[in-house]
Amino acid sequence: MSETTAARRADDGAVPGVHPRPLLLVRGFGGLDVEAEQRNAYQGFNDGTVYPERRGQNFIYEGFVLRALKSARYRYTDATNVVGYYPEALEPADSSRYFGGFAPDDIGGNSVVIDPATAELVLASGLAGTIWVYRYYDLRPRALATYGAGLARLVRLIEKAAAVHGHDFEGVDIVAHSMGGLVVREGLKVLHGEKKDSARRLVHKVVTLGTPHRGIAFQGLPRWLTAVLPGVRDTSDELAAFSPHRKDAARVKQWFEPENILTVVGTDFRTYHNAAASLANRLTSLPDEGTLATNRSDGLVKQAAAQLPGAPRTFVHKCHGGPDSLVTSREAYEIAMRFFHGTHRVRLHLDEARISRGRDFFGKSEFYFGVTIKPRGVDFELFHQSRAAQNCYGPFREADLSDGREDLAEELARPLAKTGDETTCWAGPDRLIWDGWIDANAVPDPDSPEMVFRLDVYVGERDSYGVGFSDNVIFRKQYYVQVFPGSPMQMFVHTDERWLGPAATRTEQAMGQEAADLSSTDDRGVVRDAEAPSPQVQRAEHADDGWRFDVAGTGFAATFRVEIDGV
C-alpha cells in the first residue's frame, strides 16, 4: 500500500501500519431451498448477538461485517458489490471496448464477473482492508465443484483488481462458516490445479467456524434417496460432502499449508435447539466410548469432525448457528483477527503433572485436564475447556497424565465413521494444550504495553463404574500470566488480580521485586514445599524452549511451559 493510502486510513481512525489483506466471507449450508439465502445481502455475517447483562463493547456484538467496518485497529471497507454472481454465464464482453484496465474475460463470459465502474469507486483508496462476501448460492448447478471454481475465480479477480488499480496484493484472508469451509477447501484445490502453489501464494490464512471437515457423524442419506426426493436431489452433492466416510481432510496439505488454517471448534450443543441433531450425535458416541453420556458437538458438527490434520484449533463454547453461535458471537471475530494480524504466536504445554488425590478404590477412576484462556479487559475467551463443554483432555488413568496420546494429526486423518475416536488427546507433541495468537498492540491501556491473559486450570475425576462420585473436582484455580515484551522479555504469573492494578504498581521492576519476595517463601517466611499453593507472584523461568512456571495446590501440582514467538 502507498504511504498516501496509509496516511488516509490513519486519518480515518485506523492504526498506522495495520493494513489488513482483503477478507473473504463464505457462508454455510443453506438447506434445500436457498431463496432466502439469495436475498440475504451479507449471507448471515451481518447478524450479531445482544448480551443484556453486560456493558460497553461487551453489550452488543454487531456482527462480523459491521464490527470490521467500525474497527479502529483493523479498518475494513465493503467491496461486496464489486463482483456479481449469476446462475448462468453472462454474454462475452465486447473486446473492442475499454473496461478501465480489465480484460473482457473479467466482466463477461462467466457467471462470476467484476463490475469496472464499481471497482473504480470502491477500490479508489486501496485494496487493503476490503471485505468480499462470496455469494456462491447465486451460482448453478448446486455442487462443490461449482462453488470451488467460483471462489478461485473471485480470488483471481481480486488479484487482477489490485494490478489494475496499482495496489499491492499479498493474498486474501478467508473466514468460512460450516459448509463454507468445504467450499474453501475446494477452491484451494482448484487454484492449485490451475497452477502449482497458486493456493499458497494467493491465500494467506483461513479460519473455519464449525466446518465438518471430517463429515457429520449421523449423516447417512443413501444416494438413491437423494436422487428421487424433491428438493433433496439438487442438494445431493452438498449432502454427500458431509459423509463421515470421506478422507478429503487428509489431502488438504497437498495444495495448502494446514498450519495456515485455524479451525474454530464449537462445544455448546445445548443451545443449538435441534433436539434431533443433538440426540443423533449422542447416539454416535456409543460405539466410540461405550456410553450415551457425551455429545461432544456444537449441536450439529462433532468436535472431532471440525478439525483438520496438522491444523491449529481452538475451542469456543458456542453452538453451530443462530443467536450467540460460532458465526454470530464476538469470539469468532476476535479469534480470527488475532490469527490474521496477531504479533505473537503462543503455545502452552504441560511439562510435568502430578495428581495426589482421588482414585476410588472400588471404582474406575479417570482424570480429565483442561484450561480456559481469556485476555485482559474483554468479555470473550480465546480457548475454552470445561466439563460442560465435554472437551477436556483425557481420560487419563496415570497420576502424572502420561498415558495420553500425542499424535492428534494421525487420529484426525482417519475417517470420522471409524470407531475408537481418540481426538481428546493432546493438541500436539510435548503435551501441547493451546496454540493461539495474540496482538501485543491491542491493549486496553496504551501506557501499559504488557500482554496479560487469565489461565483457568481444571482437573476433574470421573468414576465410570458409578461406585463413587462421578464428577469430583480435583483442582481448579485461576492464574494471571503477564508478559512484558521488552528486551529481554519477562514473564510473571500471579494468583491474585490485584497485582494487575494501576500501571504504577505493575511495572516490570515492581513485579520482579514481588516475585523475589514471594516465590520461595510464604507470608510467614517459611520455605514452601512442592505441594504448597502457588506463590502469589512468580517469575517464569526462561530457557531455550520457552518459559516455565509452576501450578500447585491441594491435590495437584504441575509445570507449564509457554512458547512465545513473534509473527
Protein backbone atom coordinates (compact mmCIF):
# COMPACT_ATOMS: atom_id res chain seq x y z
CA MET A 1 0.00 0.00 0.00
CA SER A 2 1.23 3.51 -0.76
CA GLU A 3 2.14 5.94 2.04
CA THR A 4 -0.70 8.21 0.91
CA THR A 5 -3.23 5.42 1.34
CA ALA A 6 -1.75 4.51 4.70
CA ALA A 7 -1.99 8.13 5.84
CA ARG A 8 -5.62 8.32 4.65
CA ARG A 9 -6.51 5.25 6.70
CA ALA A 10 -4.69 6.67 9.72
CA ASP A 11 -6.71 9.89 9.41
CA ASP A 12 -9.89 7.79 9.36
CA GLY A 13 -9.02 6.39 12.76
CA ALA A 14 -7.27 3.14 11.84
CA VAL A 15 -3.95 2.43 13.49
CA PRO A 16 -0.98 3.31 11.22
CA GLY A 17 0.92 0.30 9.96
CA VAL A 18 -2.00 -2.13 10.18
CA HIS A 19 -3.30 -2.77 6.66
CA PRO A 20 -5.47 -5.88 6.52
CA ARG A 21 -5.47 -8.09 3.46
CA PRO A 22 -8.72 -8.44 1.52
CA LEU A 23 -11.12 -10.56 3.59
CA LEU A 24 -13.49 -13.12 2.05
CA LEU A 25 -16.54 -14.35 3.99
CA VAL A 26 -18.08 -17.68 3.00
CA ARG A 27 -21.41 -18.85 4.46
CA GLY A 28 -22.50 -22.38 5.38
CA PHE A 29 -25.11 -24.82 4.09
CA GLY A 30 -28.32 -23.09 3.06
CA GLY A 31 -30.70 -26.05 3.17
CA LEU A 32 -33.00 -27.42 0.49
CA ASP A 33 -34.45 -24.05 -0.51
CA VAL A 34 -31.91 -21.23 -0.74
CA GLU A 35 -34.18 -18.40 -1.91
CA ALA A 36 -33.93 -16.71 1.49
CA GLU A 37 -30.13 -17.02 1.41
CA GLN A 38 -30.04 -15.46 -2.06
CA ARG A 39 -31.99 -12.46 -0.75
CA ASN A 40 -29.64 -12.02 2.22
CA ALA A 41 -27.08 -9.42 1.16
CA TYR A 42 -24.35 -10.44 3.60
CA GLN A 43 -25.18 -14.13 3.94
CA GLY A 44 -25.67 -14.01 7.72
CA PHE A 45 -22.34 -12.37 8.53
CA ASN A 46 -24.25 -9.19 9.45
CA ASP A 47 -26.08 -10.97 12.30
CA GLY A 48 -24.80 -10.36 15.82
CA THR A 49 -25.76 -11.01 19.43
CA VAL A 50 -27.08 -8.90 22.34
CA TYR A 51 -25.83 -9.56 25.88
CA PRO A 52 -28.29 -7.63 28.10
CA GLU A 53 -26.37 -8.29 31.32
CA ARG A 54 -23.18 -6.65 30.05
CA ARG A 55 -21.99 -3.11 29.35
CA GLY A 56 -19.93 -1.13 26.87
CA GLN A 57 -18.39 -3.01 23.96
CA ASN A 58 -19.48 -6.27 25.55
CA PHE A 59 -23.18 -5.28 25.43
CA ILE A 60 -23.79 -5.64 21.70
CA TYR A 61 -21.74 -7.59 19.22
CA GLU A 62 -22.92 -6.13 15.93
CA GLY A 63 -21.94 -8.95 13.59
CA PHE A 64 -18.77 -9.75 11.67
CA VAL A 65 -19.23 -7.27 8.80
CA LEU A 66 -20.28 -4.24 10.85
CA ARG A 67 -17.68 -4.93 13.52
CA ALA A 68 -14.95 -4.99 10.89
CA LEU A 69 -16.21 -1.79 9.28
CA LYS A 70 -16.20 0.00 12.65
CA SER A 71 -12.88 -1.36 13.92
CA ALA A 72 -10.32 1.26 14.90
CA ARG A 73 -7.42 -1.15 14.65
CA TYR A 74 -8.30 -3.31 11.62
CA ARG A 75 -10.31 -0.95 9.45
CA TYR A 76 -12.22 -2.67 6.64
CA THR A 77 -14.41 -1.36 3.82
CA ASP A 78 -17.19 -3.19 1.99
CA ALA A 79 -16.37 -4.38 -1.54
CA THR A 80 -19.12 -6.98 -1.90
CA ASN A 81 -20.82 -5.20 -4.85
CA VAL A 82 -17.64 -5.13 -6.92
CA VAL A 83 -18.25 -8.70 -8.09
CA GLY A 84 -21.52 -10.17 -9.37
CA TYR A 85 -22.65 -13.80 -9.21
CA TYR A 86 -25.13 -15.28 -11.69
CA PRO A 87 -26.75 -18.69 -12.27
CA GLU A 88 -25.60 -18.67 -15.90
CA ALA A 89 -22.54 -17.24 -17.60
CA LEU A 90 -23.06 -13.71 -18.92
CA GLU A 91 -22.63 -12.90 -22.58
CA PRO A 92 -19.00 -12.36 -23.64
CA ALA A 93 -17.95 -8.73 -23.40
CA ASP A 94 -17.22 -6.62 -26.47
CA SER A 95 -13.46 -6.94 -26.87
CA SER A 96 -13.33 -3.60 -28.75
CA ARG A 97 -14.45 -1.60 -25.71
CA TYR A 98 -12.26 -0.33 -22.89
CA PHE A 99 -13.21 -1.54 -19.42
CA GLY A 100 -11.00 0.51 -17.14
CA GLY A 101 -7.99 -1.79 -17.45
CA PHE A 102 -9.93 -5.05 -17.02
CA ALA A 103 -9.99 -7.65 -19.77
CA PRO A 104 -13.26 -8.67 -21.49
CA ASP A 105 -12.95 -12.08 -19.79
CA ASP A 106 -13.07 -10.37 -16.40
CA ILE A 107 -16.51 -8.85 -16.98
CA GLY A 108 -18.23 -11.34 -19.29
CA GLY A 109 -18.37 -14.92 -20.45
CA ASN A 110 -18.52 -16.22 -16.89
CA SER A 111 -21.01 -16.40 -14.01
CA VAL A 112 -18.58 -14.62 -11.64
CA VAL A 113 -17.68 -11.23 -13.09
CA ILE A 114 -16.33 -7.88 -11.97
CA ASP A 115 -18.02 -4.52 -12.47
CA PRO A 116 -15.34 -2.00 -13.55
CA ALA A 117 -17.32 1.11 -12.55
CA THR A 118 -17.99 -0.20 -9.04
CA ALA A 119 -14.37 -1.33 -8.72
CA GLU A 120 -13.18 2.16 -9.65
CA LEU A 121 -15.42 3.68 -6.97
CA VAL A 122 -14.82 1.20 -4.15
CA LEU A 123 -11.13 0.48 -4.68
CA ALA A 124 -10.02 4.07 -5.23
CA SER A 125 -8.43 4.24 -1.77
CA GLY A 126 -6.84 0.81 -1.90
CA LEU A 127 -7.48 -2.90 -1.90
CA ALA A 128 -6.21 -3.46 1.64
CA GLY A 129 -8.94 -3.95 4.19
CA THR A 130 -11.73 -4.75 1.75
CA ILE A 131 -14.48 -7.28 2.55
CA TRP A 132 -15.88 -9.58 -0.14
CA VAL A 133 -18.89 -11.76 0.68
CA TYR A 134 -18.79 -14.81 -1.59
CA ARG A 135 -22.38 -15.44 -2.75
CA TYR A 136 -21.96 -18.97 -4.06
CA TYR A 137 -25.65 -19.81 -3.77
CA ASP A 138 -26.32 -17.48 -6.70
CA LEU A 139 -24.40 -19.93 -8.92
CA ARG A 140 -25.66 -23.06 -10.66
CA PRO A 141 -25.55 -26.01 -10.57
CA ARG A 142 -25.51 -26.62 -6.82
CA ALA A 143 -22.27 -28.53 -6.41
CA LEU A 144 -18.98 -28.08 -4.53
CA ALA A 145 -17.13 -28.11 -7.86
CA THR A 146 -19.18 -25.08 -8.96
CA TYR A 147 -18.62 -23.26 -5.69
CA GLY A 148 -14.89 -24.05 -5.59
CA ALA A 149 -14.37 -22.81 -9.15
CA GLY A 150 -16.31 -19.64 -8.32
CA LEU A 151 -14.16 -18.98 -5.26
CA ALA A 152 -10.96 -19.47 -7.24
CA ARG A 153 -12.33 -17.08 -9.86
CA LEU A 154 -13.12 -14.48 -7.15
CA VAL A 155 -9.58 -14.63 -5.75
CA ARG A 156 -8.15 -14.21 -9.27
CA LEU A 157 -10.41 -11.21 -9.89
CA ILE A 158 -9.24 -9.57 -6.66
CA GLU A 159 -5.64 -10.12 -7.73
CA LYS A 160 -6.48 -8.57 -11.12
CA ALA A 161 -8.19 -5.59 -9.46
CA ALA A 162 -5.03 -4.94 -7.46
CA ALA A 163 -2.96 -4.88 -10.64
CA VAL A 164 -5.44 -2.64 -12.49
CA HIS A 165 -5.55 -0.08 -9.68
CA GLY A 166 -1.86 -0.25 -8.84
CA HIS A 167 -2.22 -1.75 -5.37
CA ASP A 168 -0.06 -4.33 -3.66
CA PHE A 169 -1.50 -7.83 -3.38
CA GLU A 170 -0.25 -10.27 -0.75
CA GLY A 171 -3.09 -12.77 -0.84
CA VAL A 172 -6.50 -12.86 0.81
CA ASP A 173 -7.74 -13.96 4.22
CA ILE A 174 -10.87 -16.11 4.43
CA VAL A 175 -13.44 -16.78 7.15
CA ALA A 176 -15.84 -19.64 6.40
CA HIS A 177 -18.74 -20.99 8.41
CA SER A 178 -19.80 -24.65 8.37
CA MET A 179 -20.02 -25.97 4.79
CA GLY A 180 -18.30 -22.78 3.67
CA GLY A 181 -15.06 -24.35 4.87
CA LEU A 182 -15.59 -27.24 2.47
CA VAL A 183 -16.17 -24.70 -0.30
CA VAL A 184 -12.87 -23.04 0.61
CA ARG A 185 -11.04 -26.35 0.53
CA GLU A 186 -12.46 -27.00 -2.94
CA GLY A 187 -11.37 -23.52 -4.03
CA LEU A 188 -7.83 -24.12 -2.77
CA LYS A 189 -7.71 -27.34 -4.76
CA VAL A 190 -8.90 -25.53 -7.91
CA LEU A 191 -6.28 -22.79 -7.51
CA HIS A 192 -3.54 -25.38 -7.03
CA GLY A 193 -4.77 -27.28 -10.08
CA GLU A 194 -4.63 -24.16 -12.24
CA LYS A 195 -1.01 -23.57 -11.30
CA LYS A 196 1.07 -25.37 -8.70
CA ASP A 197 1.36 -23.48 -5.39
CA SER A 198 -1.14 -20.82 -6.52
CA ALA A 199 -3.30 -21.52 -3.46
CA ARG A 200 -0.34 -20.88 -1.15
CA ARG A 201 0.52 -17.65 -2.97
CA LEU A 202 -2.98 -16.22 -3.36
CA VAL A 203 -4.44 -17.19 0.03
CA HIS A 204 -2.75 -16.03 3.21
CA LYS A 205 -4.78 -17.65 6.01
CA VAL A 206 -8.14 -19.35 6.52
CA VAL A 207 -10.41 -19.56 9.58
CA THR A 208 -13.16 -22.18 9.58
CA LEU A 209 -16.07 -21.95 12.05
CA GLY A 210 -17.68 -25.28 12.83
CA THR A 211 -16.78 -26.77 9.44
CA PRO A 212 -17.49 -30.52 9.15
CA HIS A 213 -14.04 -31.24 7.72
CA ARG A 214 -14.45 -34.93 8.52
CA GLY A 215 -18.18 -35.04 7.85
CA ILE A 216 -21.26 -35.09 10.04
CA ALA A 217 -21.36 -38.15 12.27
CA PHE A 218 -25.02 -39.01 11.69
CA GLN A 219 -25.23 -38.01 8.01
CA GLY A 220 -26.44 -41.14 6.25
CA LEU A 221 -28.87 -40.37 3.47
CA PRO A 222 -28.36 -43.01 0.76
CA ARG A 223 -27.63 -41.85 -2.79
CA TRP A 224 -30.80 -43.44 -4.22
CA LEU A 225 -32.90 -41.41 -1.78
CA THR A 226 -31.27 -38.07 -2.62
CA ALA A 227 -31.79 -38.83 -6.31
CA VAL A 228 -35.60 -39.16 -6.09
CA LEU A 229 -36.77 -36.86 -3.30
CA PRO A 230 -37.96 -33.41 -4.46
CA GLY A 231 -35.74 -30.62 -3.21
CA VAL A 232 -33.11 -33.09 -1.99
CA ARG A 233 -31.96 -34.05 -5.46
CA ASP A 234 -30.47 -30.62 -6.13
CA THR A 235 -28.53 -30.76 -2.87
CA SER A 236 -27.22 -34.33 -3.22
CA ASP A 237 -23.66 -33.19 -3.93
CA GLU A 238 -23.60 -30.94 -0.85
CA LEU A 239 -25.08 -33.65 1.37
CA ALA A 240 -22.52 -36.17 0.06
CA ALA A 241 -19.76 -33.81 1.20
CA PHE A 242 -20.95 -34.36 4.79
CA SER A 243 -20.33 -38.10 4.65
CA PRO A 244 -18.36 -39.35 7.71
CA HIS A 245 -16.66 -41.92 5.47
CA ARG A 246 -14.75 -39.37 3.37
CA LYS A 247 -10.96 -38.90 3.62
CA ASP A 248 -10.71 -35.45 1.99
CA ALA A 249 -9.47 -33.76 5.16
CA ALA A 250 -6.11 -35.54 4.99
CA ARG A 251 -5.45 -34.29 1.43
CA VAL A 252 -5.62 -30.55 2.10
CA LYS A 253 -1.86 -30.41 2.75
CA GLN A 254 -1.26 -31.27 -0.91
CA TRP A 255 -2.25 -27.77 -2.01
CA PHE A 256 -2.21 -25.60 1.15
CA GLU A 257 -0.32 -25.44 4.45
CA PRO A 258 -2.56 -26.81 7.23
CA GLU A 259 -0.86 -24.57 9.81
CA ASN A 260 -2.37 -21.59 7.97
CA ILE A 261 -5.89 -22.90 8.61
CA LEU A 262 -7.30 -22.23 12.07
CA THR A 263 -10.23 -24.49 12.91
CA VAL A 264 -12.63 -22.97 15.45
CA VAL A 265 -14.49 -25.80 17.18
CA GLY A 266 -17.83 -25.21 18.90
CA THR A 267 -18.72 -27.10 22.09
CA ASP A 268 -22.12 -25.79 23.26
CA PHE A 269 -24.55 -28.37 21.87
CA ARG A 270 -27.19 -27.48 24.47
CA THR A 271 -28.14 -24.10 22.94
CA TYR A 272 -28.44 -25.24 19.32
CA HIS A 273 -32.12 -26.08 19.85
CA ASN A 274 -32.16 -29.00 17.45
CA ALA A 275 -33.18 -31.99 19.51
CA ALA A 276 -32.91 -34.48 16.63
CA ALA A 277 -29.32 -33.50 15.80
CA SER A 278 -28.35 -33.50 19.48
CA LEU A 279 -29.79 -36.98 20.01
CA ALA A 280 -28.14 -38.29 16.84
CA ASN A 281 -24.74 -37.00 17.94
CA ARG A 282 -25.22 -38.60 21.35
CA LEU A 283 -26.02 -41.93 19.71
CA THR A 284 -22.83 -41.78 17.65
CA SER A 285 -20.82 -41.61 20.90
CA LEU A 286 -21.93 -45.13 21.84
CA PRO A 287 -19.58 -47.13 19.55
CA ASP A 288 -16.66 -44.80 20.33
CA GLU A 289 -16.97 -44.50 24.09
CA GLY A 290 -19.42 -47.20 25.11
CA THR A 291 -21.74 -44.63 26.65
CA LEU A 292 -24.52 -42.20 25.71
CA ALA A 293 -23.36 -39.70 28.33
CA THR A 294 -21.45 -37.45 25.94
CA ASN A 295 -22.45 -35.39 22.93
CA ARG A 296 -19.18 -33.58 22.09
CA SER A 297 -20.52 -31.36 19.32
CA ASP A 298 -21.68 -27.81 18.60
CA GLY A 299 -25.19 -29.19 18.21
CA LEU A 300 -24.59 -30.31 14.63
CA VAL A 301 -20.89 -30.93 13.97
CA LYS A 302 -18.84 -33.18 16.22
CA GLN A 303 -15.77 -31.61 17.81
CA ALA A 304 -13.71 -34.40 16.26
CA ALA A 305 -15.10 -33.51 12.81
CA ALA A 306 -14.45 -29.76 12.93
CA GLN A 307 -10.65 -30.18 12.93
CA LEU A 308 -8.04 -30.81 10.23
CA PRO A 309 -4.87 -32.93 10.49
CA GLY A 310 -1.91 -30.66 11.17
CA ALA A 311 -4.02 -27.50 11.55
CA PRO A 312 -4.17 -25.44 14.76
CA ARG A 313 -7.51 -25.41 16.51
CA THR A 314 -9.27 -23.58 19.30
CA PHE A 315 -12.38 -24.44 21.30
CA VAL A 316 -15.20 -21.91 21.74
CA HIS A 317 -18.21 -22.64 23.96
CA LYS A 318 -20.77 -21.64 21.30
CA CYS A 319 -23.25 -23.62 19.24
CA HIS A 320 -23.25 -24.17 15.48
CA GLY A 321 -25.66 -21.44 14.34
CA GLY A 322 -28.31 -18.99 15.42
CA PRO A 323 -28.06 -16.35 18.17
CA ASP A 324 -24.78 -16.30 20.10
CA SER A 325 -23.28 -19.00 17.92
CA LEU A 326 -19.95 -19.60 16.21
CA VAL A 327 -20.86 -17.17 13.44
CA THR A 328 -22.77 -14.53 15.46
CA SER A 329 -20.61 -14.23 18.60
CA ARG A 330 -17.74 -11.87 19.25
CA GLU A 331 -15.39 -14.79 19.90
CA ALA A 332 -15.28 -15.73 16.20
CA TYR A 333 -14.35 -12.18 15.14
CA GLU A 334 -11.70 -11.67 17.82
CA ILE A 335 -10.03 -15.04 17.28
CA ALA A 336 -9.97 -14.54 13.51
CA MET A 337 -8.47 -11.03 13.77
CA ARG A 338 -5.70 -12.28 16.04
CA PHE A 339 -4.94 -15.18 13.71
CA PHE A 340 -4.73 -12.85 10.70
CA HIS A 341 -2.96 -9.89 12.34
CA GLY A 342 -1.51 -11.08 15.65
CA THR A 343 2.00 -10.08 16.69
CA HIS A 344 2.82 -13.25 18.64
CA ARG A 345 2.08 -16.95 18.41
CA VAL A 346 1.70 -18.59 21.82
CA ARG A 347 1.91 -22.29 22.61
CA LEU A 348 1.06 -23.64 26.04
CA HIS A 349 2.46 -27.03 27.11
CA LEU A 350 2.12 -29.22 30.18
CA ASP A 351 5.67 -30.32 31.06
CA GLU A 352 5.01 -32.12 34.33
CA ALA A 353 1.92 -33.07 36.35
CA ARG A 354 1.10 -34.98 39.50
CA ILE A 355 -2.33 -35.78 40.93
CA SER A 356 -2.19 -36.64 44.64
CA ARG A 357 -5.85 -37.21 45.49
CA GLY A 358 -8.83 -39.09 44.11
CA ARG A 359 -8.70 -42.64 42.74
CA ASP A 360 -11.75 -44.52 44.05
CA PHE A 361 -10.54 -47.85 45.42
CA PHE A 362 -13.52 -49.86 44.16
CA GLY A 363 -14.38 -47.77 41.11
CA LYS A 364 -12.74 -46.95 37.80
CA SER A 365 -11.19 -43.51 38.15
CA GLU A 366 -10.41 -41.45 35.08
CA PHE A 367 -8.85 -37.99 35.18
CA TYR A 368 -9.56 -35.06 32.86
CA PHE A 369 -7.47 -31.92 32.40
CA GLY A 370 -8.46 -28.62 30.80
CA VAL A 371 -7.76 -24.89 30.67
CA THR A 372 -9.61 -21.77 29.60
CA ILE A 373 -7.75 -18.70 28.30
CA LYS A 374 -9.13 -15.18 28.36
CA PRO A 375 -7.39 -11.85 27.51
CA ARG A 376 -7.43 -8.92 29.91
CA GLY A 377 -10.13 -6.25 29.72
CA VAL A 378 -12.55 -8.10 27.43
CA ASP A 379 -15.51 -10.41 27.85
CA PHE A 380 -14.64 -13.26 25.50
CA GLU A 381 -12.40 -16.32 25.56
CA LEU A 382 -9.68 -17.36 23.14
CA PHE A 383 -9.85 -21.00 24.24
CA HIS A 384 -12.34 -22.93 26.35
CA GLN A 385 -12.26 -26.32 28.03
CA SER A 386 -14.66 -27.47 30.73
CA ARG A 387 -16.71 -30.40 31.93
CA ALA A 388 -19.82 -28.80 30.40
CA ALA A 389 -18.07 -28.50 27.03
CA GLN A 390 -17.04 -32.18 27.19
CA ASN A 391 -13.68 -31.34 25.59
CA CYS A 392 -11.09 -31.70 28.36
CA TYR A 393 -8.02 -33.78 27.62
CA GLY A 394 -8.35 -37.37 28.75
CA PRO A 395 -9.33 -39.78 30.03
CA PHE A 396 -6.08 -40.39 31.92
CA ARG A 397 -5.53 -43.17 34.41
CA GLU A 398 -1.96 -42.32 35.40
CA ALA A 399 -1.46 -39.74 38.12
CA ASP A 400 1.13 -37.88 36.02
CA LEU A 401 -1.19 -37.77 32.95
CA SER A 402 1.46 -39.63 30.98
CA ASP A 403 -0.88 -42.09 29.27
CA GLY A 404 -2.44 -39.57 26.86
CA ARG A 405 -1.87 -39.88 23.14
CA GLU A 406 0.01 -37.06 21.45
CA ASP A 407 -0.48 -37.76 17.74
CA LEU A 408 -3.69 -35.83 17.10
CA ALA A 409 -2.89 -35.38 13.39
CA GLU A 410 -2.76 -39.14 12.88
CA GLU A 411 -6.11 -39.57 14.61
CA LEU A 412 -7.72 -36.80 12.55
CA ALA A 413 -6.52 -38.42 9.31
CA ARG A 414 -8.87 -41.36 9.93
CA PRO A 415 -12.46 -41.25 8.61
CA LEU A 416 -14.90 -39.98 11.22
CA ALA A 417 -17.07 -43.09 10.78
CA LYS A 418 -14.35 -45.41 12.10
CA THR A 419 -14.90 -46.38 15.72
CA GLY A 420 -12.47 -45.63 18.51
CA ASP A 421 -12.34 -41.83 18.39
CA GLU A 422 -9.34 -40.56 20.39
CA THR A 423 -9.33 -36.90 19.42
CA THR A 424 -9.49 -35.85 23.07
CA CYS A 425 -5.72 -36.44 23.20
CA TRP A 426 -3.21 -33.57 23.45
CA ALA A 427 -3.29 -30.92 20.72
CA GLY A 428 0.24 -31.79 19.63
CA PRO A 429 3.68 -33.06 20.68
CA ASP A 430 5.09 -32.33 24.14
CA ARG A 431 1.59 -32.27 25.61
CA LEU A 432 0.54 -29.18 23.69
CA ILE A 433 -2.54 -27.64 25.31
CA TRP A 434 -3.22 -24.48 23.29
CA ASP A 435 -1.83 -23.00 20.09
CA GLY A 436 -3.05 -19.42 19.64
CA TRP A 437 -2.30 -15.88 18.50
CA ILE A 438 -2.35 -12.61 20.41
CA ASP A 439 -1.85 -8.97 19.43
CA ALA A 440 0.57 -7.13 21.69
CA ASN A 441 -0.68 -3.80 20.33
CA ALA A 442 -4.33 -4.41 21.18
CA VAL A 443 -4.01 -3.50 24.85
CA PRO A 444 -6.65 -1.66 26.93
CA ASP A 445 -4.06 0.74 28.42
CA PRO A 446 -1.51 2.14 25.90
CA ASP A 447 0.71 3.22 28.79
CA SER A 448 0.99 -0.42 29.88
CA PRO A 449 2.07 -2.45 26.84
CA GLU A 450 2.37 -5.77 28.67
CA MET A 451 0.28 -8.73 27.47
CA VAL A 452 -1.96 -10.33 30.09
CA PHE A 453 -4.29 -13.30 29.92
CA ARG A 454 -6.12 -15.34 32.52
CA LEU A 455 -5.49 -19.07 32.70
CA ASP A 456 -8.19 -21.20 34.37
CA VAL A 457 -6.87 -24.66 35.23
CA TYR A 458 -9.23 -27.57 35.89
CA VAL A 459 -8.56 -31.18 36.85
CA GLY A 460 -11.52 -33.49 37.35
CA GLU A 461 -12.17 -37.13 38.12
CA ARG A 462 -14.88 -39.41 36.78
CA ASP A 463 -15.82 -42.81 38.17
CA SER A 464 -17.21 -44.57 35.13
CA TYR A 465 -18.32 -47.57 37.23
CA GLY A 466 -20.57 -45.39 39.34
CA VAL A 467 -19.27 -46.67 42.68
CA GLY A 468 -18.05 -43.30 43.92
CA PHE A 469 -18.90 -39.75 42.89
CA SER A 470 -18.84 -39.36 39.11
CA ASP A 471 -17.81 -35.70 38.96
CA ASN A 472 -15.15 -34.97 41.58
CA VAL A 473 -13.16 -31.76 41.16
CA ILE A 474 -9.51 -32.46 41.93
CA PHE A 475 -8.20 -28.95 41.30
CA ARG A 476 -9.49 -25.64 39.95
CA LYS A 477 -7.67 -22.32 40.11
CA GLN A 478 -7.14 -19.11 38.13
CA TYR A 479 -3.72 -17.72 37.21
CA TYR A 480 -2.81 -14.46 35.52
CA VAL A 481 0.06 -14.59 33.04
CA GLN A 482 1.73 -11.22 32.46
CA VAL A 483 4.32 -10.74 29.71
CA PHE A 484 6.50 -7.64 29.41
CA PRO A 485 7.55 -7.61 25.72
CA GLY A 486 10.83 -5.78 26.27
CA SER A 487 14.34 -6.94 25.55
CA PRO A 488 14.79 -9.28 27.20
CA MET A 489 11.18 -10.38 27.55
CA GLN A 490 9.95 -11.04 31.09
CA MET A 491 7.02 -13.20 32.26
CA PHE A 492 5.31 -13.20 35.64
CA VAL A 493 2.48 -15.39 36.90
CA HIS A 494 0.06 -14.18 39.59
CA THR A 495 -2.59 -15.87 41.69
CA ASP A 496 -4.24 -12.56 42.63
CA GLU A 497 -5.63 -10.00 40.18
CA ARG A 498 -4.56 -7.16 42.48
CA TRP A 499 -1.07 -7.41 41.02
CA LEU A 500 -2.57 -6.25 37.71
CA GLY A 501 -3.79 -2.96 39.14
CA PRO A 502 -2.79 0.59 38.12
CA ALA A 503 0.17 0.94 35.78
CA ALA A 504 2.33 2.50 38.51
CA THR A 505 2.26 -0.72 40.53
CA ARG A 506 2.72 -3.25 37.75
CA THR A 507 5.99 -2.22 36.22
CA GLU A 508 8.50 -4.88 35.28
CA GLN A 509 10.77 -3.77 38.13
CA ALA A 510 7.96 -3.89 40.70
CA MET A 511 6.90 -7.35 39.60
CA GLY A 512 10.48 -8.56 39.76
CA GLN A 513 10.74 -7.37 43.36
CA GLU A 514 7.44 -9.01 44.34
CA ALA A 515 8.49 -12.26 42.71
CA ALA A 516 11.80 -12.21 44.58
CA ASP A 517 9.97 -11.65 47.86
CA LEU A 518 7.22 -14.25 47.41
CA SER A 519 8.42 -17.02 45.13
CA SER A 520 10.38 -19.11 47.64
CA THR A 521 8.68 -18.40 50.99
CA ASP A 522 5.15 -17.98 52.24
CA ASP A 523 3.79 -14.91 54.03
CA ARG A 524 5.46 -16.02 57.28
CA GLY A 525 8.87 -16.52 55.67
CA VAL A 526 8.68 -20.31 55.79
CA VAL A 527 10.17 -22.11 52.80
CA ARG A 528 7.46 -23.63 50.64
CA ASP A 529 7.27 -27.33 49.90
CA ALA A 530 6.49 -28.80 46.48
CA GLU A 531 2.79 -29.32 47.22
CA ALA A 532 2.14 -25.90 48.77
CA PRO A 533 -0.19 -23.49 46.95
CA SER A 534 1.38 -21.44 44.18
CA PRO A 535 3.09 -18.21 45.27
CA GLN A 536 1.15 -15.01 44.68
CA VAL A 537 3.77 -13.80 42.21
CA GLN A 538 6.36 -15.93 40.47
CA ARG A 539 8.85 -15.07 37.76
CA ALA A 540 8.65 -17.61 34.94
CA GLU A 541 11.95 -19.38 34.29
CA HIS A 542 13.30 -18.78 30.79
CA ALA A 543 15.01 -21.48 28.73
CA ASP A 544 15.65 -22.12 25.04
CA ASP A 545 12.34 -23.96 24.67
CA GLY A 546 10.13 -21.40 26.44
CA TRP A 547 9.08 -20.03 29.82
CA ARG A 548 8.22 -22.33 32.71
CA PHE A 549 6.06 -21.68 35.75
CA ASP A 550 4.52 -23.86 38.43
CA VAL A 551 0.93 -24.52 39.38
CA ALA A 552 0.30 -26.13 42.76
CA GLY A 553 -2.42 -26.69 45.30
CA THR A 554 -4.37 -29.34 47.14
CA GLY A 555 -4.42 -32.49 45.04
CA PHE A 556 -2.47 -31.26 42.01
CA ALA A 557 0.91 -29.83 41.02
CA ALA A 558 2.21 -29.11 37.54
CA THR A 559 4.77 -27.24 35.48
CA PHE A 560 3.59 -25.34 32.42
CA ARG A 561 5.74 -24.12 29.55
CA VAL A 562 4.87 -21.17 27.31
CA GLU A 563 6.46 -20.61 23.92
CA ILE A 564 6.11 -17.07 22.53
CA ASP A 565 7.27 -16.34 19.02
CA GLY A 566 6.96 -13.06 17.16
CA VAL A 567 4.98 -13.25 13.92
